[in-house]
C-alpha cells in the first residue's frame, strides 16, 4: 500500500473550524486551473520498473472543508485533484 496525505491543524479556536486552506484553497470539483493536483502518478516495482497504480481510493474526514477526487485519462495518466478552503458556509 502507498499512501499520500495532507493535514491541516485545527484547534477549533472560538468553536469554529480553521480557515487554513489546503492546496490552492479550491475544491477538487473546480478542476484544472483552480484546484491543486498531482498527475501521471506511477509507482516503482521491485524490479525498478514504473507501473500504473492499481485500486486507487480516497479518504477524507471532512469533505465539506477539504476533499479529493481521482481520475485517469490518456494525457494525464492517473491523477487526483485535492484541496479546500477550510472554514466556509458548509464547514463550521
PDB file of N, CA and C in Angstrom:
ATOM      1  N   UNK A   1       0.838  -1.169   0.000  1.00  0.00           N
ATOM      2  CA  UNK A   1       0.000   0.000   0.000  1.00  0.00           C
ATOM      3  C   UNK A   1       0.890   1.242   0.000  1.00  0.00           C
ATOM      4  N   UNK A   2       0.479   2.214  -0.764  1.00  0.00           N
ATOM      5  CA  UNK A   2       1.147   3.510  -0.820  1.00  0.00           C
ATOM      6  C   UNK A   2       0.128   4.558  -0.406  1.00  0.00           C
ATOM      7  N   UNK A   3       0.545   5.463   0.450  1.00  0.00           N
ATOM      8  CA  UNK A   3      -0.380   6.492   0.915  1.00  0.00           C
ATOM      9  C   UNK A   3       0.183   7.873   0.631  1.00  0.00           C
ATOM     10  N   UNK A   4      -0.716   8.791   0.377  1.00  0.00           N
ATOM     11  CA  UNK A   4      -0.381  10.204   0.197  1.00  0.00           C
ATOM     12  C   UNK A   4      -1.408  10.975   0.999  1.00  0.00           C
ATOM     13  N   UNK A   5      -0.967  11.931   1.766  1.00  0.00           N
ATOM     14  CA  UNK A   5      -1.933  12.627   2.601  1.00  0.00           C
ATOM     15  C   UNK A   5      -1.619  14.089   2.783  1.00  0.00           C
ATOM     16  N   UNK A   6      -2.605  14.783   3.270  1.00  0.00           N
ATOM     17  CA  UNK A   6      -2.462  16.181   3.635  1.00  0.00           C
ATOM     18  C   UNK A   6      -3.056  16.380   5.012  1.00  0.00           C
ATOM     19  N   UNK A   7      -2.549  17.352   5.714  1.00  0.00           N
ATOM     20  CA  UNK A   7      -3.039  17.573   7.072  1.00  0.00           C
ATOM     21  C   UNK A   7      -3.094  19.068   7.356  1.00  0.00           C
ATOM     22  N   UNK A   8      -4.128  19.474   8.034  1.00  0.00           N
ATOM     23  CA  UNK A   8      -4.285  20.847   8.491  1.00  0.00           C
ATOM     24  C   UNK A   8      -4.558  20.788   9.986  1.00  0.00           C
ATOM     25  N   UNK A   9      -3.808  21.543  10.770  1.00  0.00           N
ATOM     26  CA  UNK A   9      -4.038  21.590  12.215  1.00  0.00           C
ATOM     27  C   UNK A   9      -5.290  22.418  12.476  1.00  0.00           C
ATOM     28  N   UNK A  10      -6.208  21.835  13.233  1.00  0.00           N
ATOM     29  CA  UNK A  10      -7.473  22.500  13.520  1.00  0.00           C
ATOM     30  C   UNK A  10      -7.721  22.478  15.023  1.00  0.00           C
ATOM     31  N   UNK A  11      -7.413  23.568  15.698  1.00  0.00           N
ATOM     32  CA  UNK A  11      -7.629  23.639  17.145  1.00  0.00           C
ATOM     33  C   UNK A  11      -9.041  24.090  17.492  1.00  0.00           C
ATOM     34  N   UNK A  12      -9.835  24.399  16.471  1.00  0.00           N
ATOM     35  CA  UNK A  12     -11.215  24.871  16.628  1.00  0.00           C
ATOM     36  C   UNK A  12     -11.292  26.068  17.576  1.00  0.00           C
ATOM     37  N   UNK A  13     -10.405  27.015  17.347  1.00  0.00           N
ATOM     38  CA  UNK A  13     -10.438  28.256  18.130  1.00  0.00           C
ATOM     39  C   UNK A  13     -11.794  28.925  17.964  1.00  0.00           C
ATOM     40  N   UNK A  14     -12.330  29.422  19.026  1.00  0.00           N
ATOM     41  CA  UNK A  14     -13.661  30.054  19.029  1.00  0.00           C
ATOM     42  C   UNK A  14     -14.759  29.089  18.598  1.00  0.00           C
ATOM     43  N   UNK A  15     -14.500  27.777  18.696  1.00  0.00           N
ATOM     44  CA  UNK A  15     -15.505  26.774  18.350  1.00  0.00           C
ATOM     45  C   UNK A  15     -15.762  26.617  16.868  1.00  0.00           C
ATOM     46  N   UNK A  16     -14.898  27.178  16.024  1.00  0.00           N
ATOM     47  CA  UNK A  16     -15.076  27.077  14.578  1.00  0.00           C
ATOM     48  C   UNK A  16     -13.892  26.368  13.940  1.00  0.00           C
ATOM     49  N   UNK A  17     -14.152  25.756  12.794  1.00  0.00           N
ATOM     50  CA  UNK A  17     -13.090  25.106  12.031  1.00  0.00           C
ATOM     51  C   UNK A  17     -12.098  26.162  11.556  1.00  0.00           C
ATOM     52  N   UNK A  18     -10.837  25.795  11.423  1.00  0.00           N
ATOM     53  CA  UNK A  18      -9.816  26.720  10.939  1.00  0.00           C
ATOM     54  C   UNK A  18     -10.107  27.170   9.505  1.00  0.00           C
ATOM     55  N   UNK A  19      -9.653  28.362   9.174  1.00  0.00           N
ATOM     56  CA  UNK A  19      -9.793  28.856   7.801  1.00  0.00           C
ATOM     57  C   UNK A  19      -8.539  28.562   6.980  1.00  0.00           C
ATOM     58  N   UNK A  20      -7.638  27.724   7.521  1.00  0.00           N
ATOM     59  CA  UNK A  20      -6.435  27.337   6.793  1.00  0.00           C
ATOM     60  C   UNK A  20      -6.806  26.555   5.545  1.00  0.00           C
ATOM     61  N   UNK A  21      -6.270  26.968   4.412  1.00  0.00           N
ATOM     62  CA  UNK A  21      -6.543  26.296   3.144  1.00  0.00           C
ATOM     63  C   UNK A  21      -5.650  25.077   2.969  1.00  0.00           C
ATOM     64  N   UNK A  22      -6.112  24.145   2.123  1.00  0.00           N
ATOM     65  CA  UNK A  22      -5.287  23.030   1.678  1.00  0.00           C
ATOM     66  C   UNK A  22      -5.139  23.160   0.166  1.00  0.00           C
ATOM     67  N   UNK A  23      -3.911  22.940  -0.324  1.00  0.00           N
ATOM     68  CA  UNK A  23      -3.664  23.100  -1.753  1.00  0.00           C
ATOM     69  C   UNK A  23      -3.866  24.552  -2.152  1.00  0.00           C
ATOM     70  N   UNK A  24      -4.612  24.768  -3.218  1.00  0.00           N
ATOM     71  CA  UNK A  24      -4.879  26.128  -3.697  1.00  0.00           C
ATOM     72  C   UNK A  24      -6.008  26.805  -2.933  1.00  0.00           C
ATOM     73  N   UNK A  25      -6.655  26.048  -2.045  1.00  0.00           N
ATOM     74  CA  UNK A  25      -7.814  26.576  -1.334  1.00  0.00           C
ATOM     75  C   UNK A  25      -9.112  26.378  -2.094  1.00  0.00           C
ATOM     76  N   UNK A  26      -9.048  25.685  -3.217  1.00  0.00           N
ATOM     77  CA  UNK A  26     -10.234  25.425  -4.036  1.00  0.00           C
ATOM     78  C   UNK A  26     -10.569  23.941  -3.959  1.00  0.00           C
ATOM     79  N   UNK A  27     -11.854  23.609  -4.078  1.00  0.00           N
ATOM     80  CA  UNK A  27     -12.291  22.214  -4.050  1.00  0.00           C
ATOM     81  C   UNK A  27     -11.929  21.500  -5.356  1.00  0.00           C
ATOM     82  N   UNK A  28     -11.748  20.175  -5.302  1.00  0.00           N
ATOM     83  CA  UNK A  28     -11.392  19.399  -6.492  1.00  0.00           C
ATOM     84  C   UNK A  28     -12.346  19.577  -7.668  1.00  0.00           C
ATOM     85  N   UNK A  29     -13.633  19.757  -7.388  1.00  0.00           N
ATOM     86  CA  UNK A  29     -14.621  19.880  -8.458  1.00  0.00           C
ATOM     87  C   UNK A  29     -14.329  21.057  -9.384  1.00  0.00           C
ATOM     88  N   UNK A  30     -13.563  22.038  -8.902  1.00  0.00           N
ATOM     89  CA  UNK A  30     -13.275  23.214  -9.726  1.00  0.00           C
ATOM     90  C   UNK A  30     -12.265  22.911 -10.819  1.00  0.00           C
ATOM     91  N   UNK A  31     -11.517  21.810 -10.678  1.00  0.00           N
ATOM     92  CA  UNK A  31     -10.673  21.299 -11.747  1.00  0.00           C
ATOM     93  C   UNK A  31      -9.452  22.125 -12.112  1.00  0.00           C
ATOM     94  N   UNK A  32      -8.957  21.831 -13.305  1.00  0.00           N
ATOM     95  CA  UNK A  32      -7.710  22.402 -13.803  1.00  0.00           C
ATOM     96  C   UNK A  32      -7.763  23.930 -13.825  1.00  0.00           C
ATOM     97  N   UNK A  33      -6.677  24.528 -13.390  1.00  0.00           N
ATOM     98  CA  UNK A  33      -6.587  25.978 -13.359  1.00  0.00           C
ATOM     99  C   UNK A  33      -7.040  26.587 -12.048  1.00  0.00           C
ATOM    100  N   UNK A  34      -7.715  25.802 -11.228  1.00  0.00           N
ATOM    101  CA  UNK A  34      -8.176  26.302  -9.929  1.00  0.00           C
ATOM    102  C   UNK A  34      -7.745  25.385  -8.795  1.00  0.00           C
ATOM    103  N   UNK A  35      -8.045  24.102  -8.904  1.00  0.00           N
ATOM    104  CA  UNK A  35      -7.736  23.152  -7.840  1.00  0.00           C
ATOM    105  C   UNK A  35      -6.308  22.618  -7.989  1.00  0.00           C
ATOM    106  N   UNK A  36      -5.692  22.257  -6.872  1.00  0.00           N
ATOM    107  CA  UNK A  36      -4.366  21.633  -6.901  1.00  0.00           C
ATOM    108  C   UNK A  36      -4.486  20.188  -7.352  1.00  0.00           C
ATOM    109  N   UNK A  37      -3.413  19.660  -7.942  1.00  0.00           N
ATOM    110  CA  UNK A  37      -3.468  18.292  -8.454  1.00  0.00           C
ATOM    111  C   UNK A  37      -2.085  17.654  -8.512  1.00  0.00           C
ATOM    112  N   UNK A  38      -2.085  16.333  -8.584  1.00  0.00           N
ATOM    113  CA  UNK A  38      -0.929  15.523  -8.940  1.00  0.00           C
ATOM    114  C   UNK A  38      -1.356  14.726 -10.154  1.00  0.00           C
ATOM    115  N   UNK A  39      -0.482  14.579 -11.138  1.00  0.00           N
ATOM    116  CA  UNK A  39      -0.844  13.816 -12.328  1.00  0.00           C
ATOM    117  C   UNK A  39       0.300  12.891 -12.730  1.00  0.00           C
ATOM    118  N   UNK A  40      -0.011  11.970 -13.652  1.00  0.00           N
ATOM    119  CA  UNK A  40       0.946  10.956 -14.105  1.00  0.00           C
ATOM    120  C   UNK A  40       1.542  10.201 -12.922  1.00  0.00           C
ATOM    121  N   UNK A  41       0.689   9.792 -12.007  1.00  0.00           N
ATOM    122  CA  UNK A  41       1.123   9.071 -10.812  1.00  0.00           C
ATOM    123  C   UNK A  41       1.550   7.664 -11.212  1.00  0.00           C
ATOM    124  N   UNK A  42       2.745   7.288 -10.798  1.00  0.00           N
ATOM    125  CA  UNK A  42       3.266   5.952 -11.059  1.00  0.00           C
ATOM    126  C   UNK A  42       3.969   5.448  -9.807  1.00  0.00           C
ATOM    127  N   UNK A  43       4.107   4.133  -9.727  1.00  0.00           N
ATOM    128  CA  UNK A  43       4.846   3.512  -8.631  1.00  0.00           C
ATOM    129  C   UNK A  43       5.999   2.714  -9.233  1.00  0.00           C
ATOM    130  N   UNK A  44       7.040   2.499  -8.442  1.00  0.00           N
ATOM    131  CA  UNK A  44       8.192   1.718  -8.879  1.00  0.00           C
ATOM    132  C   UNK A  44       8.089   0.341  -8.247  1.00  0.00           C
ATOM    133  N   UNK A  45       8.134  -0.720  -9.084  1.00  0.00           N
ATOM    134  CA  UNK A  45       8.023  -2.081  -8.555  1.00  0.00           C
ATOM    135  C   UNK A  45       9.381  -2.595  -8.081  1.00  0.00           C
ATOM    136  N   UNK A  46       9.418  -3.846  -7.625  1.00  0.00           N
ATOM    137  CA  UNK A  46      10.645  -4.441  -7.088  1.00  0.00           C
ATOM    138  C   UNK A  46      11.763  -4.543  -8.114  1.00  0.00           C
ATOM    139  N   UNK A  47      11.415  -4.526  -9.407  1.00  0.00           N
ATOM    140  CA  UNK A  47      12.414  -4.591 -10.480  1.00  0.00           C
ATOM    141  C   UNK A  47      12.779  -3.203 -10.996  1.00  0.00           C
ATOM    142  N   UNK A  48      12.374  -2.185 -10.291  1.00  0.00           N
ATOM    143  CA  UNK A  48      12.664  -0.794 -10.627  1.00  0.00           C
ATOM    144  C   UNK A  48      11.973  -0.326 -11.910  1.00  0.00           C
ATOM    145  N   UNK A  49      10.802  -0.902 -12.189  1.00  0.00           N
ATOM    146  CA  UNK A  49      10.000  -0.504 -13.343  1.00  0.00           C
ATOM    147  C   UNK A  49       8.853   0.393 -12.889  1.00  0.00           C
ATOM    148  N   UNK A  50       8.542   1.392 -13.697  1.00  0.00           N
ATOM    149  CA  UNK A  50       7.397   2.255 -13.410  1.00  0.00           C
ATOM    150  C   UNK A  50       6.112   1.555 -13.809  1.00  0.00           C
ATOM    151  N   UNK A  51       5.141   1.580 -12.921  1.00  0.00           N
ATOM    152  CA  UNK A  51       3.845   0.938 -13.158  1.00  0.00           C
ATOM    153  C   UNK A  51       2.725   1.898 -12.776  1.00  0.00           C
ATOM    154  N   UNK A  52       1.598   1.733 -13.447  1.00  0.00           N
ATOM    155  CA  UNK A  52       0.403   2.492 -13.065  1.00  0.00           C
ATOM    156  C   UNK A  52      -0.119   1.937 -11.742  1.00  0.00           C
ATOM    157  N   UNK A  53      -0.574   2.788 -10.847  1.00  0.00           N
ATOM    158  CA  UNK A  53      -1.122   2.289  -9.580  1.00  0.00           C
ATOM    159  C   UNK A  53      -2.437   1.558  -9.815  1.00  0.00           C
ATOM    160  N   UNK A  54      -2.722   0.603  -8.949  1.00  0.00           N
ATOM    161  CA  UNK A  54      -3.979  -0.150  -9.035  1.00  0.00           C
ATOM    162  C   UNK A  54      -4.804   0.113  -7.788  1.00  0.00           C
ATOM    163  N   UNK A  55      -6.104   0.162  -7.963  1.00  0.00           N
ATOM    164  CA  UNK A  55      -7.004   0.279  -6.820  1.00  0.00           C
ATOM    165  C   UNK A  55      -6.903   1.591  -6.073  1.00  0.00           C
ATOM    166  N   UNK A  56      -6.808   2.694  -6.794  1.00  0.00           N
ATOM    167  CA  UNK A  56      -6.739   3.990  -6.116  1.00  0.00           C
ATOM    168  C   UNK A  56      -8.017   4.249  -5.331  1.00  0.00           C
ATOM    169  N   UNK A  57      -7.865   4.700  -4.119  1.00  0.00           N
ATOM    170  CA  UNK A  57      -9.008   5.038  -3.276  1.00  0.00           C
ATOM    171  C   UNK A  57      -8.755   6.364  -2.585  1.00  0.00           C
ATOM    172  N   UNK A  58      -9.790   6.917  -2.011  1.00  0.00           N
ATOM    173  CA  UNK A  58      -9.648   8.189  -1.299  1.00  0.00           C
ATOM    174  C   UNK A  58     -10.306   8.099   0.071  1.00  0.00           C
ATOM    175  N   UNK A  59      -9.870   8.968   0.956  1.00  0.00           N
ATOM    176  CA  UNK A  59     -10.464   9.073   2.283  1.00  0.00           C
ATOM    177  C   UNK A  59     -10.374  10.528   2.719  1.00  0.00           C
ATOM    178  N   UNK A  60     -11.473  11.081   3.143  1.00  0.00           N
ATOM    179  CA  UNK A  60     -11.481  12.426   3.721  1.00  0.00           C
ATOM    180  C   UNK A  60     -12.335  12.403   4.981  1.00  0.00           C
ATOM    181  N   UNK A  61     -11.903  13.132   5.989  1.00  0.00           N
ATOM    182  CA  UNK A  61     -12.667  13.193   7.234  1.00  0.00           C
ATOM    183  C   UNK A  61     -13.740  14.267   7.195  1.00  0.00           C
ATOM    184  N   UNK A  62     -13.482  15.360   6.511  1.00  0.00           N
ATOM    185  CA  UNK A  62     -14.435  16.479   6.467  1.00  0.00           C
ATOM    186  C   UNK A  62     -14.494  17.019   5.042  1.00  0.00           C
ATOM    187  N   UNK A  63     -15.237  16.325   4.182  1.00  0.00           N
ATOM    188  CA  UNK A  63     -15.257  16.691   2.763  1.00  0.00           C
ATOM    189  C   UNK A  63     -15.920  18.040   2.495  1.00  0.00           C
ATOM    190  N   UNK A  64     -16.625  18.598   3.461  1.00  0.00           N
ATOM    191  CA  UNK A  64     -17.160  19.952   3.295  1.00  0.00           C
ATOM    192  C   UNK A  64     -16.086  21.016   3.517  1.00  0.00           C
ATOM    193  N   UNK A  65     -14.947  20.591   4.095  1.00  0.00           N
ATOM    194  CA  UNK A  65     -13.834  21.508   4.344  1.00  0.00           C
ATOM    195  C   UNK A  65     -12.710  21.304   3.329  1.00  0.00           C
ATOM    196  N   UNK A  66     -12.402  20.025   3.061  1.00  0.00           N
ATOM    197  CA  UNK A  66     -11.331  19.628   2.143  1.00  0.00           C
ATOM    198  C   UNK A  66     -11.778  18.338   1.472  1.00  0.00           C
ATOM    199  N   UNK A  67     -11.384  18.143   0.218  1.00  0.00           N
ATOM    200  CA  UNK A  67     -11.818  16.929  -0.476  1.00  0.00           C
ATOM    201  C   UNK A  67     -10.750  16.480  -1.462  1.00  0.00           C
ATOM    202  N   UNK A  68     -10.978  15.314  -2.061  1.00  0.00           N
ATOM    203  CA  UNK A  68     -10.063  14.739  -3.052  1.00  0.00           C
ATOM    204  C   UNK A  68     -10.886  13.958  -4.068  1.00  0.00           C
ATOM    205  N   UNK A  69     -10.467  13.996  -5.336  1.00  0.00           N
ATOM    206  CA  UNK A  69     -11.117  13.232  -6.402  1.00  0.00           C
ATOM    207  C   UNK A  69     -10.044  12.643  -7.303  1.00  0.00           C
ATOM    208  N   UNK A  70     -10.185  11.362  -7.634  1.00  0.00           N
ATOM    209  CA  UNK A  70      -9.224  10.696  -8.514  1.00  0.00           C
ATOM    210  C   UNK A  70      -9.796  10.556  -9.917  1.00  0.00           C
ATOM    211  N   UNK A  71      -8.911  10.268 -10.860  1.00  0.00           N
ATOM    212  CA  UNK A  71      -9.331  10.013 -12.230  1.00  0.00           C
ATOM    213  C   UNK A  71      -8.159   9.510 -13.046  1.00  0.00           C
ATOM    214  N   UNK A  72      -8.408   9.202 -14.299  1.00  0.00           N
ATOM    215  CA  UNK A  72      -7.339   8.811 -15.218  1.00  0.00           C
ATOM    216  C   UNK A  72      -7.778   9.110 -16.645  1.00  0.00           C
ATOM    217  N   UNK A  73      -6.801   9.439 -17.483  1.00  0.00           N
ATOM    218  CA  UNK A  73      -7.041   9.615 -18.910  1.00  0.00           C
ATOM    219  C   UNK A  73      -5.725   9.444 -19.656  1.00  0.00           C
ATOM    220  N   UNK A  74      -5.770   9.481 -20.966  1.00  0.00           N
ATOM    221  CA  UNK A  74      -4.586   9.244 -21.780  1.00  0.00           C
ATOM    222  C   UNK A  74      -3.495  10.285 -21.630  1.00  0.00           C
ATOM    223  N   UNK A  75      -3.855  11.533 -21.433  1.00  0.00           N
ATOM    224  CA  UNK A  75      -2.857  12.599 -21.329  1.00  0.00           C
ATOM    225  C   UNK A  75      -2.233  12.703 -19.939  1.00  0.00           C
ATOM    226  N   UNK A  76      -3.034  12.542 -18.914  1.00  0.00           N
ATOM    227  CA  UNK A  76      -2.568  12.733 -17.541  1.00  0.00           C
ATOM    228  C   UNK A  76      -2.295  11.435 -16.806  1.00  0.00           C
ATOM    229  N   UNK A  77      -2.593  10.284 -17.384  1.00  0.00           N
ATOM    230  CA  UNK A  77      -2.469   9.040 -16.641  1.00  0.00           C
ATOM    231  C   UNK A  77      -3.388   9.078 -15.428  1.00  0.00           C
ATOM    232  N   UNK A  78      -2.929   8.489 -14.330  1.00  0.00           N
ATOM    233  CA  UNK A  78      -3.703   8.546 -13.081  1.00  0.00           C
ATOM    234  C   UNK A  78      -3.412   9.880 -12.397  1.00  0.00           C
ATOM    235  N   UNK A  79      -4.449  10.494 -11.863  1.00  0.00           N
ATOM    236  CA  UNK A  79      -4.288  11.808 -11.240  1.00  0.00           C
ATOM    237  C   UNK A  79      -5.267  11.968 -10.086  1.00  0.00           C
ATOM    238  N   UNK A  80      -5.026  12.984  -9.265  1.00  0.00           N
ATOM    239  CA  UNK A  80      -6.039  13.394  -8.299  1.00  0.00           C
ATOM    240  C   UNK A  80      -5.982  14.898  -8.089  1.00  0.00           C
ATOM    241  N   UNK A  81      -7.157  15.467  -7.930  1.00  0.00           N
ATOM    242  CA  UNK A  81      -7.329  16.859  -7.522  1.00  0.00           C
ATOM    243  C   UNK A  81      -7.621  16.846  -6.021  1.00  0.00           C
ATOM    244  N   UNK A  82      -7.143  17.861  -5.322  1.00  0.00           N
ATOM    245  CA  UNK A  82      -7.365  17.900  -3.877  1.00  0.00           C
ATOM    246  C   UNK A  82      -7.419  19.341  -3.385  1.00  0.00           C
ATOM    247  N   UNK A  83      -7.950  19.514  -2.182  1.00  0.00           N
ATOM    248  CA  UNK A  83      -7.886  20.804  -1.519  1.00  0.00           C
ATOM    249  C   UNK A  83      -9.220  21.284  -0.997  1.00  0.00           C
ATOM    250  N   UNK A  84      -9.195  22.498  -0.520  1.00  0.00           N
ATOM    251  CA  UNK A  84     -10.394  23.131   0.007  1.00  0.00           C
ATOM    252  C   UNK A  84     -10.039  24.359   0.811  1.00  0.00           C
ATOM    253  N   UNK A  85     -11.049  25.165   1.111  1.00  0.00           N
ATOM    254  CA  UNK A  85     -10.813  26.439   1.778  1.00  0.00           C
ATOM    255  C   UNK A  85     -10.743  26.379   3.300  1.00  0.00           C
ATOM    256  N   UNK A  86     -11.067  25.227   3.878  1.00  0.00           N
ATOM    257  CA  UNK A  86     -11.228  25.211   5.327  1.00  0.00           C
ATOM    258  C   UNK A  86     -12.600  25.746   5.673  1.00  0.00           C
ATOM    259  N   UNK A  87     -12.670  26.592   6.702  1.00  0.00           N
ATOM    260  CA  UNK A  87     -13.974  27.102   7.146  1.00  0.00           C
ATOM    261  C   UNK A  87     -14.706  27.797   5.998  1.00  0.00           C
ATOM    262  N   UNK A  88     -15.968  27.422   5.818  1.00  0.00           N
ATOM    263  CA  UNK A  88     -16.839  28.024   4.807  1.00  0.00           C
ATOM    264  C   UNK A  88     -18.274  27.799   5.261  1.00  0.00           C
ATOM    265  N   UNK A  89     -19.252  28.163   4.458  1.00  0.00           N
ATOM    266  CA  UNK A  89     -20.664  28.059   4.858  1.00  0.00           C
ATOM    267  C   UNK A  89     -21.071  26.633   5.224  1.00  0.00           C
ATOM    268  N   UNK A  90     -20.441  25.617   4.607  1.00  0.00           N
ATOM    269  CA  UNK A  90     -20.779  24.216   4.888  1.00  0.00           C
ATOM    270  C   UNK A  90     -19.799  23.556   5.852  1.00  0.00           C
ATOM    271  N   UNK A  91     -18.769  24.262   6.237  1.00  0.00           N
ATOM    272  CA  UNK A  91     -17.731  23.729   7.134  1.00  0.00           C
ATOM    273  C   UNK A  91     -17.540  24.708   8.274  1.00  0.00           C
ATOM    274  N   UNK A  92     -18.241  24.462   9.355  1.00  0.00           N
ATOM    275  CA  UNK A  92     -18.167  25.348  10.515  1.00  0.00           C
ATOM    276  C   UNK A  92     -17.321  24.690  11.567  1.00  0.00           C
TER     277      UNK A  92
END
